[in-house]
Amino acid sequence: MLSHLAKVSNSGITVFDMYQQKHVYTSFNFGGLFGDCEEGIDERV
């Protein structure tokens, strides 16, 4: 569902897993919009 949302809205979308304490999903377009951030965007803030 989120892949479709990212395509339609052109938003960068991520999902964070509170149990694993890491991002478990990053939308396909995130890198093109905001740069590659495997573990979120803190390093780019």
All heavy atoms as atom14 arrays in JSON, in Angstrom:
{
  "sequence": "MLSHLAKVSNSGITVFDMYQQKHVYTSFNFGGLFGDCEEGIDERV",
  "atom14_mask": [
    [1, 1, 1, 1, 1, 1, 1, 1, 0, 0, 0, 0, 0, 0],
    [1, 1, 1, 1, 1, 1, 1, 1, 0, 0, 0, 0, 0, 0],
    [1, 1, 1, 1, 1, 1, 0, 0, 0, 0, 0, 0, 0, 0],
    [1, 1, 1, 1, 1, 1, 1, 1, 1, 1, 0, 0, 0, 0],
    [1, 1, 1, 1, 1, 1, 1, 1, 0, 0, 0, 0, 0, 0],
    [1, 1, 1, 1, 1, 0, 0, 0, 0, 0, 0, 0, 0, 0],
    [1, 1, 1, 1, 1, 1, 1, 1, 1, 0, 0, 0, 0, 0],
    [1, 1, 1, 1, 1, 1, 1, 0, 0, 0, 0, 0, 0, 0],
    [1, 1, 1, 1, 1, 1, 0, 0, 0, 0, 0, 0, 0, 0],
    [1, 1, 1, 1, 1, 1, 1, 1, 0, 0, 0, 0, 0, 0],
    [1, 1, 1, 1, 1, 1, 0, 0, 0, 0, 0, 0, 0, 0],
    [1, 1, 1, 1, 0, 0, 0, 0, 0, 0, 0, 0, 0, 0],
    [1, 1, 1, 1, 1, 1, 1, 1, 0, 0, 0, 0, 0, 0],
    [1, 1, 1, 1, 1, 1, 1, 0, 0, 0, 0, 0, 0, 0],
    [1, 1, 1, 1, 1, 1, 1, 0, 0, 0, 0, 0, 0, 0],
    [1, 1, 1, 1, 1, 1, 1, 1, 1, 1, 1, 0, 0, 0],
    [1, 1, 1, 1, 1, 1, 1, 1, 0, 0, 0, 0, 0, 0],
    [1, 1, 1, 1, 1, 1, 1, 1, 0, 0, 0, 0, 0, 0],
    [1, 1, 1, 1, 1, 1, 1, 1, 1, 1, 1, 1, 0, 0],
    [1, 1, 1, 1, 1, 1, 1, 1, 1, 0, 0, 0, 0, 0],
    [1, 1, 1, 1, 1, 1, 1, 1, 1, 0, 0, 0, 0, 0],
    [1, 1, 1, 1, 1, 1, 1, 1, 1, 0, 0, 0, 0, 0],
    [1, 1, 1, 1, 1, 1, 1, 1, 1, 1, 0, 0, 0, 0],
    [1, 1, 1, 1, 1, 1, 1, 0, 0, 0, 0, 0, 0, 0],
    [1, 1, 1, 1, 1, 1, 1, 1, 1, 1, 1, 1, 0, 0],
    [1, 1, 1, 1, 1, 1, 1, 0, 0, 0, 0, 0, 0, 0],
    [1, 1, 1, 1, 1, 1, 0, 0, 0, 0, 0, 0, 0, 0],
    [1, 1, 1, 1, 1, 1, 1, 1, 1, 1, 1, 0, 0, 0],
    [1, 1, 1, 1, 1, 1, 1, 1, 0, 0, 0, 0, 0, 0],
    [1, 1, 1, 1, 1, 1, 1, 1, 1, 1, 1, 0, 0, 0],
    [1, 1, 1, 1, 0, 0, 0, 0, 0, 0, 0, 0, 0, 0],
    [1, 1, 1, 1, 0, 0, 0, 0, 0, 0, 0, 0, 0, 0],
    [1, 1, 1, 1, 1, 1, 1, 1, 0, 0, 0, 0, 0, 0],
    [1, 1, 1, 1, 1, 1, 1, 1, 1, 1, 1, 0, 0, 0],
    [1, 1, 1, 1, 0, 0, 0, 0, 0, 0, 0, 0, 0, 0],
    [1, 1, 1, 1, 1, 1, 1, 1, 0, 0, 0, 0, 0, 0],
    [1, 1, 1, 1, 1, 1, 0, 0, 0, 0, 0, 0, 0, 0],
    [1, 1, 1, 1, 1, 1, 1, 1, 1, 0, 0, 0, 0, 0],
    [1, 1, 1, 1, 1, 1, 1, 1, 1, 0, 0, 0, 0, 0],
    [1, 1, 1, 1, 0, 0, 0, 0, 0, 0, 0, 0, 0, 0],
    [1, 1, 1, 1, 1, 1, 1, 1, 0, 0, 0, 0, 0, 0],
    [1, 1, 1, 1, 1, 1, 1, 1, 0, 0, 0, 0, 0, 0],
    [1, 1, 1, 1, 1, 1, 1, 1, 1, 0, 0, 0, 0, 0],
    [1, 1, 1, 1, 1, 1, 1, 1, 1, 1, 1, 0, 0, 0],
    [1, 1, 1, 1, 1, 1, 1, 0, 0, 0, 0, 0, 0, 0]
  ],
  "atom14_positions": [
    [[0.82, -1.2, 0.0], [0.0, 0.0, 0.0], [0.86, 1.26, 0.0], [0.56, 2.23, -0.71], [-0.91, -0.01, 1.23], [-1.82, -1.22, 1.35], [-3.01, -1.33, 0.0], [-4.08, 0.06, 0.41], [0.0, 0.0, 0.0], [0.0, 0.0, 0.0], [0.0, 0.0, 0.0], [0.0, 0.0, 0.0], [0.0, 0.0, 0.0], [0.0, 0.0, 0.0]],
    [[1.94, 1.25, 0.78], [2.79, 2.42, 0.89], [3.57, 2.69, -0.39], [3.87, 3.84, -0.71], [3.75, 2.26, 2.08], [3.07, 2.21, 3.46], [4.1, 1.92, 4.55], [2.34, 3.51, 3.74], [0.0, 0.0, 0.0], [0.0, 0.0, 0.0], [0.0, 0.0, 0.0], [0.0, 0.0, 0.0], [0.0, 0.0, 0.0], [0.0, 0.0, 0.0]],
    [[3.9, 1.64, -1.13], [4.57, 1.83, -2.42], [3.67, 2.58, -3.38], [4.12, 3.47, -4.12], [4.97, 0.47, -3.01], [5.96, -0.15, -2.22], [0.0, 0.0, 0.0], [0.0, 0.0, 0.0], [0.0, 0.0, 0.0], [0.0, 0.0, 0.0], [0.0, 0.0, 0.0], [0.0, 0.0, 0.0], [0.0, 0.0, 0.0], [0.0, 0.0, 0.0]],
    [[2.38, 2.24, -3.37], [1.42, 2.96, -4.22], [1.3, 4.41, -3.76], [1.24, 5.33, -4.59], [0.05, 2.27, -4.17], [0.0, 0.97, -4.88], [0.26, 0.83, -6.23], [-0.28, -0.28, -4.42], [0.14, -0.43, -6.58], [-0.18, -1.14, -5.5], [0.0, 0.0, 0.0], [0.0, 0.0, 0.0], [0.0, 0.0, 0.0], [0.0, 0.0, 0.0]],
    [[1.26, 4.63, -2.44], [1.15, 5.98, -1.91], [2.36, 6.82, -2.31], [2.21, 7.99, -2.71], [1.03, 5.94, -0.38], [1.01, 7.29, 0.34], [-0.18, 8.13, -0.11], [0.98, 7.09, 1.85], [0.0, 0.0, 0.0], [0.0, 0.0, 0.0], [0.0, 0.0, 0.0], [0.0, 0.0, 0.0], [0.0, 0.0, 0.0], [0.0, 0.0, 0.0]],
    [[3.56, 6.24, -2.21], [4.77, 6.97, -2.57], [4.76, 7.36, -4.04], [5.19, 8.45, -4.42], [5.99, 6.12, -2.26], [0.0, 0.0, 0.0], [0.0, 0.0, 0.0], [0.0, 0.0, 0.0], [0.0, 0.0, 0.0], [0.0, 0.0, 0.0], [0.0, 0.0, 0.0], [0.0, 0.0, 0.0], [0.0, 0.0, 0.0], [0.0, 0.0, 0.0]],
    [[4.25, 6.46, -4.87], [4.21, 6.72, -6.31], [3.23, 7.84, -6.64], [3.51, 8.73, -7.45], [3.82, 5.44, -7.05], [3.89, 5.57, -8.56], [3.62, 4.22, -9.22], [3.73, 4.33, -10.73], [3.5, 3.01, -11.39], [0.0, 0.0, 0.0], [0.0, 0.0, 0.0], [0.0, 0.0, 0.0], [0.0, 0.0, 0.0], [0.0, 0.0, 0.0]],
    [[2.08, 7.81, -5.99], [1.03, 8.8, -6.28], [1.36, 10.17, -5.68], [1.2, 11.21, -6.33], [-0.33, 8.31, -5.74], [-1.38, 9.41, -5.84], [-0.78, 7.07, -6.5], [0.0, 0.0, 0.0], [0.0, 0.0, 0.0], [0.0, 0.0, 0.0], [0.0, 0.0, 0.0], [0.0, 0.0, 0.0], [0.0, 0.0, 0.0], [0.0, 0.0, 0.0]],
    [[1.86, 10.18, -4.44], [2.08, 11.44, -3.72], [3.49, 11.99, -3.92], [3.74, 13.15, -3.6], [1.84, 11.24, -2.22], [2.8, 10.34, -1.68], [0.0, 0.0, 0.0], [0.0, 0.0, 0.0], [0.0, 0.0, 0.0], [0.0, 0.0, 0.0], [0.0, 0.0, 0.0], [0.0, 0.0, 0.0], [0.0, 0.0, 0.0], [0.0, 0.0, 0.0]],
    [[4.4, 11.15, -4.41], [5.82, 11.52, -4.52], [6.38, 11.96, -3.17], [7.17, 12.9, -3.06], [6.04, 12.62, -5.56], [7.48, 12.63, -6.07], [8.13, 11.58, -6.12], [7.97, 13.8, -6.42], [0.0, 0.0, 0.0], [0.0, 0.0, 0.0], [0.0, 0.0, 0.0], [0.0, 0.0, 0.0], [0.0, 0.0, 0.0], [0.0, 0.0, 0.0]],
    [[5.97, 11.25, -2.12], [6.48, 11.49, -0.78], [7.53, 10.44, -0.44], [7.48, 9.31, -0.94], [5.34, 11.41, 0.25], [4.32, 12.32, -0.03], [0.0, 0.0, 0.0], [0.0, 0.0, 0.0], [0.0, 0.0, 0.0], [0.0, 0.0, 0.0], [0.0, 0.0, 0.0], [0.0, 0.0, 0.0], [0.0, 0.0, 0.0], [0.0, 0.0, 0.0]],
    [[8.46, 10.79, 0.43], [9.41, 9.82, 0.95], [8.79, 9.15, 2.17], [8.41, 9.82, 3.12], [0.0, 0.0, 0.0], [0.0, 0.0, 0.0], [0.0, 0.0, 0.0], [0.0, 0.0, 0.0], [0.0, 0.0, 0.0], [0.0, 0.0, 0.0], [0.0, 0.0, 0.0], [0.0, 0.0, 0.0], [0.0, 0.0, 0.0], [0.0, 0.0, 0.0]],
    [[8.68, 7.83, 2.14], [7.96, 7.11, 3.19], [8.87, 6.08, 3.84], [9.59, 5.34, 3.15], [6.71, 6.42, 2.61], [5.75, 7.46, 2.03], [6.0, 5.59, 3.68], [4.56, 6.88, 1.32], [0.0, 0.0, 0.0], [0.0, 0.0, 0.0], [0.0, 0.0, 0.0], [0.0, 0.0, 0.0], [0.0, 0.0, 0.0], [0.0, 0.0, 0.0]],
    [[8.84, 6.03, 5.17], [9.58, 5.02, 5.91], [8.68, 4.43, 7.0], [7.73, 5.07, 7.44], [10.86, 5.57, 6.57], [10.51, 6.62, 7.48], [11.83, 6.12, 5.53], [0.0, 0.0, 0.0], [0.0, 0.0, 0.0], [0.0, 0.0, 0.0], [0.0, 0.0, 0.0], [0.0, 0.0, 0.0], [0.0, 0.0, 0.0], [0.0, 0.0, 0.0]],
    [[9.03, 3.22, 7.44], [8.35, 2.58, 8.56], [9.42, 2.19, 9.59], [10.42, 1.55, 9.24], [7.57, 1.32, 8.12], [6.98, 0.6, 9.34], [6.46, 1.7, 7.15], [0.0, 0.0, 0.0], [0.0, 0.0, 0.0], [0.0, 0.0, 0.0], [0.0, 0.0, 0.0], [0.0, 0.0, 0.0], [0.0, 0.0, 0.0], [0.0, 0.0, 0.0]],
    [[9.18, 2.58, 10.85], [10.12, 2.27, 11.92], [9.51, 1.19, 12.82], [8.36, 1.29, 13.24], [10.41, 3.52, 12.75], [11.49, 3.33, 13.79], [12.83, 3.39, 13.44], [11.16, 3.09, 15.12], [13.83, 3.21, 14.38], [12.15, 2.91, 16.08], [13.48, 2.97, 15.7], [0.0, 0.0, 0.0], [0.0, 0.0, 0.0], [0.0, 0.0, 0.0]],
    [[10.31, 0.16, 13.1], [9.89, -0.95, 13.94], [10.39, -0.7, 15.37], [11.59, -0.72, 15.63], [10.49, -2.25, 13.38], [10.03, -3.5, 14.13], [9.67, -3.39, 15.31], [10.04, -4.58, 13.52], [0.0, 0.0, 0.0], [0.0, 0.0, 0.0], [0.0, 0.0, 0.0], [0.0, 0.0, 0.0], [0.0, 0.0, 0.0], [0.0, 0.0, 0.0]],
    [[9.46, -0.44, 16.3], [9.85, -0.13, 17.68], [10.45, -1.34, 18.39], [11.22, -1.18, 19.33], [8.62, 0.37, 18.46], [8.0, 1.63, 17.9], [8.9, 3.13, 18.34], [8.18, 3.47, 19.94], [0.0, 0.0, 0.0], [0.0, 0.0, 0.0], [0.0, 0.0, 0.0], [0.0, 0.0, 0.0], [0.0, 0.0, 0.0], [0.0, 0.0, 0.0]],
    [[10.1, -2.53, 17.94], [10.67, -3.75, 18.54], [12.12, -3.92, 18.11], [13.01, -4.12, 18.95], [9.84, -4.95, 18.12], [10.47, -6.29, 18.45], [10.73, -6.66, 19.77], [10.79, -7.19, 17.44], [11.31, -7.88, 20.07], [11.37, -8.41, 17.73], [11.63, -8.75, 19.04], [12.21, -9.97, 19.33], [0.0, 0.0, 0.0], [0.0, 0.0, 0.0]],
    [[12.39, -3.84, 16.81], [13.75, -4.0, 16.31], [14.57, -2.71, 16.42], [15.79, -2.73, 16.27], [13.73, -4.44, 14.84], [13.05, -5.76, 14.6], [13.2, -6.23, 13.17], [14.3, -6.35, 12.63], [12.06, -6.5, 12.51], [0.0, 0.0, 0.0], [0.0, 0.0, 0.0], [0.0, 0.0, 0.0], [0.0, 0.0, 0.0], [0.0, 0.0, 0.0]],
    [[13.87, -1.59, 16.67], [14.49, -0.27, 16.79], [15.29, 0.07, 15.53], [16.44, 0.52, 15.58], [15.37, -0.18, 18.04], [14.59, -0.33, 19.32], [15.39, -0.03, 20.56], [16.36, 0.73, 20.52], [15.02, -0.62, 21.68], [0.0, 0.0, 0.0], [0.0, 0.0, 0.0], [0.0, 0.0, 0.0], [0.0, 0.0, 0.0], [0.0, 0.0, 0.0]],
    [[14.64, -0.13, 14.39], [15.26, 0.23, 13.12], [14.17, 0.41, 12.06], [13.03, -0.04, 12.23], [16.26, -0.84, 12.67], [15.62, -2.16, 12.27], [16.68, -3.14, 11.76], [16.04, -4.43, 11.26], [17.08, -5.37, 10.74], [0.0, 0.0, 0.0], [0.0, 0.0, 0.0], [0.0, 0.0, 0.0], [0.0, 0.0, 0.0], [0.0, 0.0, 0.0]],
    [[14.55, 1.07, 10.96], [13.62, 1.23, 9.85], [13.53, -0.08, 9.08], [14.56, -0.68, 8.74], [14.08, 2.36, 8.92], [13.88, 3.72, 9.52], [14.8, 4.31, 10.37], [12.85, 4.61, 9.41], [14.35, 5.5, 10.74], [13.19, 5.7, 10.19], [0.0, 0.0, 0.0], [0.0, 0.0, 0.0], [0.0, 0.0, 0.0], [0.0, 0.0, 0.0]],
    [[12.32, -0.52, 8.83], [12.1, -1.79, 8.14], [11.5, -1.6, 6.76], [11.26, -2.57, 6.04], [11.21, -2.73, 8.98], [11.97, -3.19, 10.22], [9.89, -2.05, 9.38], [0.0, 0.0, 0.0], [0.0, 0.0, 0.0], [0.0, 0.0, 0.0], [0.0, 0.0, 0.0], [0.0, 0.0, 0.0], [0.0, 0.0, 0.0], [0.0, 0.0, 0.0]],
    [[11.25, -0.35, 6.39], [10.76, -0.05, 5.04], [11.16, 1.37, 4.66], [11.05, 2.29, 5.47], [9.24, -0.18, 4.96], [8.67, 0.31, 3.64], [8.74, -0.47, 2.51], [8.1, 1.58, 3.55], [8.24, -0.02, 1.29], [7.59, 2.05, 2.34], [7.66, 1.24, 1.22], [7.18, 1.71, 0.02], [0.0, 0.0, 0.0], [0.0, 0.0, 0.0]],
    [[11.65, 1.51, 3.44], [11.94, 2.82, 2.86], [11.4, 2.82, 1.44], [11.69, 1.89, 0.67], [13.45, 3.12, 2.84], [13.97, 3.05, 4.17], [13.73, 4.51, 2.28], [0.0, 0.0, 0.0], [0.0, 0.0, 0.0], [0.0, 0.0, 0.0], [0.0, 0.0, 0.0], [0.0, 0.0, 0.0], [0.0, 0.0, 0.0], [0.0, 0.0, 0.0]],
    [[10.61, 3.8, 1.08], [10.0, 3.82, -0.24], [11.05, 3.93, -1.34], [12.13, 4.48, -1.13], [8.99, 4.97, -0.35], [9.62, 6.22, -0.16], [0.0, 0.0, 0.0], [0.0, 0.0, 0.0], [0.0, 0.0, 0.0], [0.0, 0.0, 0.0], [0.0, 0.0, 0.0], [0.0, 0.0, 0.0], [0.0, 0.0, 0.0], [0.0, 0.0, 0.0]],
    [[10.72, 3.41, -2.5], [11.65, 3.33, -3.63], [12.17, 4.69, -4.07], [13.27, 4.81, -4.6], [10.95, 2.66, -4.82], [9.84, 3.49, -5.42], [10.07, 4.36, -6.47], [8.55, 3.42, -4.91], [9.06, 5.14, -7.01], [7.53, 4.19, -5.43], [7.78, 5.05, -6.49], [0.0, 0.0, 0.0], [0.0, 0.0, 0.0], [0.0, 0.0, 0.0]],
    [[11.39, 5.74, -3.82], [11.75, 7.08, -4.31], [12.47, 7.93, -3.28], [12.82, 9.08, -3.55], [10.49, 7.81, -4.76], [9.47, 7.98, -3.64], [9.52, 7.27, -2.64], [8.55, 8.92, -3.79], [0.0, 0.0, 0.0], [0.0, 0.0, 0.0], [0.0, 0.0, 0.0], [0.0, 0.0, 0.0], [0.0, 0.0, 0.0], [0.0, 0.0, 0.0]],
    [[12.7, 7.38, -2.09], [13.27, 8.18, -1.01], [14.64, 8.73, -1.37], [14.93, 9.92, -1.18], [13.37, 7.34, 0.27], [13.53, 8.15, 1.53], [12.45, 8.41, 2.34], [14.75, 8.67, 1.9], [12.58, 9.17, 3.5], [14.91, 9.42, 3.04], [13.82, 9.67, 3.84], [0.0, 0.0, 0.0], [0.0, 0.0, 0.0], [0.0, 0.0, 0.0]],
    [[15.51, 7.88, -1.89], [16.87, 8.31, -2.23], [16.9, 9.4, -3.27], [17.7, 10.34, -3.18], [0.0, 0.0, 0.0], [0.0, 0.0, 0.0], [0.0, 0.0, 0.0], [0.0, 0.0, 0.0], [0.0, 0.0, 0.0], [0.0, 0.0, 0.0], [0.0, 0.0, 0.0], [0.0, 0.0, 0.0], [0.0, 0.0, 0.0], [0.0, 0.0, 0.0]],
    [[16.02, 9.29, -4.27], [15.99, 10.31, -5.32], [15.52, 11.66, -4.81], [15.93, 12.7, -5.32], [0.0, 0.0, 0.0], [0.0, 0.0, 0.0], [0.0, 0.0, 0.0], [0.0, 0.0, 0.0], [0.0, 0.0, 0.0], [0.0, 0.0, 0.0], [0.0, 0.0, 0.0], [0.0, 0.0, 0.0], [0.0, 0.0, 0.0], [0.0, 0.0, 0.0]],
    [[14.66, 11.64, -3.79], [14.13, 12.89, -3.24], [15.07, 13.5, -2.19], [15.32, 14.71, -2.21], [12.77, 12.63, -2.59], [11.6, 12.3, -3.52], [10.41, 11.82, -2.7], [11.22, 13.51, -4.35], [0.0, 0.0, 0.0], [0.0, 0.0, 0.0], [0.0, 0.0, 0.0], [0.0, 0.0, 0.0], [0.0, 0.0, 0.0], [0.0, 0.0, 0.0]],
    [[15.55, 12.66, -1.29], [16.25, 13.18, -0.11], [17.62, 12.58, 0.12], [18.26, 12.86, 1.14], [15.38, 12.96, 1.14], [14.0, 13.53, 1.02], [12.89, 12.71, 0.94], [13.79, 14.9, 0.95], [11.61, 13.22, 0.83], [12.52, 15.43, 0.83], [11.42, 14.59, 0.76], [0.0, 0.0, 0.0], [0.0, 0.0, 0.0], [0.0, 0.0, 0.0]],
    [[18.09, 11.74, -0.78], [19.39, 11.11, -0.6], [19.25, 9.76, 0.08], [18.24, 9.47, 0.72], [0.0, 0.0, 0.0], [0.0, 0.0, 0.0], [0.0, 0.0, 0.0], [0.0, 0.0, 0.0], [0.0, 0.0, 0.0], [0.0, 0.0, 0.0], [0.0, 0.0, 0.0], [0.0, 0.0, 0.0], [0.0, 0.0, 0.0], [0.0, 0.0, 0.0]],
    [[20.25, 8.92, -0.09], [20.2, 7.57, 0.47], [20.33, 7.6, 1.98], [21.3, 8.14, 2.53], [21.32, 6.71, -0.13], [21.11, 6.46, -1.61], [19.94, 6.35, -2.03], [22.1, 6.39, -2.36], [0.0, 0.0, 0.0], [0.0, 0.0, 0.0], [0.0, 0.0, 0.0], [0.0, 0.0, 0.0], [0.0, 0.0, 0.0], [0.0, 0.0, 0.0]],
    [[19.35, 7.04, 2.67], [19.35, 7.01, 4.15], [18.78, 5.66, 4.59], [17.59, 5.55, 4.82], [18.5, 8.14, 4.72], [18.94, 9.78, 4.14], [0.0, 0.0, 0.0], [0.0, 0.0, 0.0], [0.0, 0.0, 0.0], [0.0, 0.0, 0.0], [0.0, 0.0, 0.0], [0.0, 0.0, 0.0], [0.0, 0.0, 0.0], [0.0, 0.0, 0.0]],
    [[19.63, 4.67, 4.68], [19.16, 3.34, 5.05], [18.55, 3.32, 6.44], [17.62, 2.57, 6.71], [20.31, 2.34, 4.98], [20.79, 2.06, 3.56], [21.82, 0.97, 3.51], [22.1, 0.38, 4.58], [22.35, 0.69, 2.43], [0.0, 0.0, 0.0], [0.0, 0.0, 0.0], [0.0, 0.0, 0.0], [0.0, 0.0, 0.0], [0.0, 0.0, 0.0]],
    [[19.08, 4.11, 7.36], [18.59, 4.1, 8.74], [17.91, 5.42, 9.1], [18.07, 5.94, 10.18], [19.74, 3.82, 9.71], [20.19, 2.37, 9.7], [19.07, 1.42, 10.11], [18.33, 1.76, 11.04], [18.94, 0.35, 9.49], [0.0, 0.0, 0.0], [0.0, 0.0, 0.0], [0.0, 0.0, 0.0], [0.0, 0.0, 0.0], [0.0, 0.0, 0.0]],
    [[17.15, 5.97, 8.14], [16.46, 7.22, 8.43], [17.22, 8.41, 7.91], [18.11, 8.3, 7.07], [0.0, 0.0, 0.0], [0.0, 0.0, 0.0], [0.0, 0.0, 0.0], [0.0, 0.0, 0.0], [0.0, 0.0, 0.0], [0.0, 0.0, 0.0], [0.0, 0.0, 0.0], [0.0, 0.0, 0.0], [0.0, 0.0, 0.0], [0.0, 0.0, 0.0]],
    [[16.9, 9.58, 8.43], [17.43, 10.82, 7.86], [18.27, 11.64, 8.83], [18.67, 12.76, 8.49], [16.27, 11.7, 7.32], [15.33, 12.08, 8.46], [15.53, 10.99, 6.2], [14.29, 13.09, 8.06], [0.0, 0.0, 0.0], [0.0, 0.0, 0.0], [0.0, 0.0, 0.0], [0.0, 0.0, 0.0], [0.0, 0.0, 0.0], [0.0, 0.0, 0.0]],
    [[18.54, 11.11, 10.01], [19.25, 11.9, 11.01], [20.57, 12.45, 10.49], [20.96, 13.59, 10.78], [19.53, 11.07, 12.27], [18.28, 10.89, 13.13], [17.24, 11.45, 12.75], [18.36, 10.2, 14.15], [0.0, 0.0, 0.0], [0.0, 0.0, 0.0], [0.0, 0.0, 0.0], [0.0, 0.0, 0.0], [0.0, 0.0, 0.0], [0.0, 0.0, 0.0]],
    [[21.28, 11.63, 9.71], [22.59, 12.07, 9.21], [22.48, 13.18, 8.17], [23.47, 13.8, 7.83], [23.36, 10.89, 8.62], [22.78, 10.3, 7.35], [21.75, 9.22, 7.6], [21.19, 9.17, 8.71], [21.5, 8.43, 6.66], [0.0, 0.0, 0.0], [0.0, 0.0, 0.0], [0.0, 0.0, 0.0], [0.0, 0.0, 0.0], [0.0, 0.0, 0.0]],
    [[21.26, 13.44, 7.69], [21.07, 14.48, 6.67], [20.38, 15.72, 7.24], [20.21, 16.71, 6.54], [20.26, 13.93, 5.5], [20.82, 12.65, 4.88], [20.16, 12.31, 3.57], [20.63, 13.18, 2.5], [21.71, 12.94, 1.76], [22.43, 11.87, 1.99], [22.07, 13.77, 0.81], [0.0, 0.0, 0.0], [0.0, 0.0, 0.0], [0.0, 0.0, 0.0]],
    [[19.97, 15.66, 8.51], [19.32, 16.81, 9.14], [20.34, 17.93, 9.34], [21.49, 17.69, 9.68], [18.7, 16.41, 10.5], [18.17, 17.63, 11.24], [17.58, 15.39, 10.29], [0.0, 0.0, 0.0], [0.0, 0.0, 0.0], [0.0, 0.0, 0.0], [0.0, 0.0, 0.0], [0.0, 0.0, 0.0], [0.0, 0.0, 0.0], [0.0, 0.0, 0.0]]
  ]
}
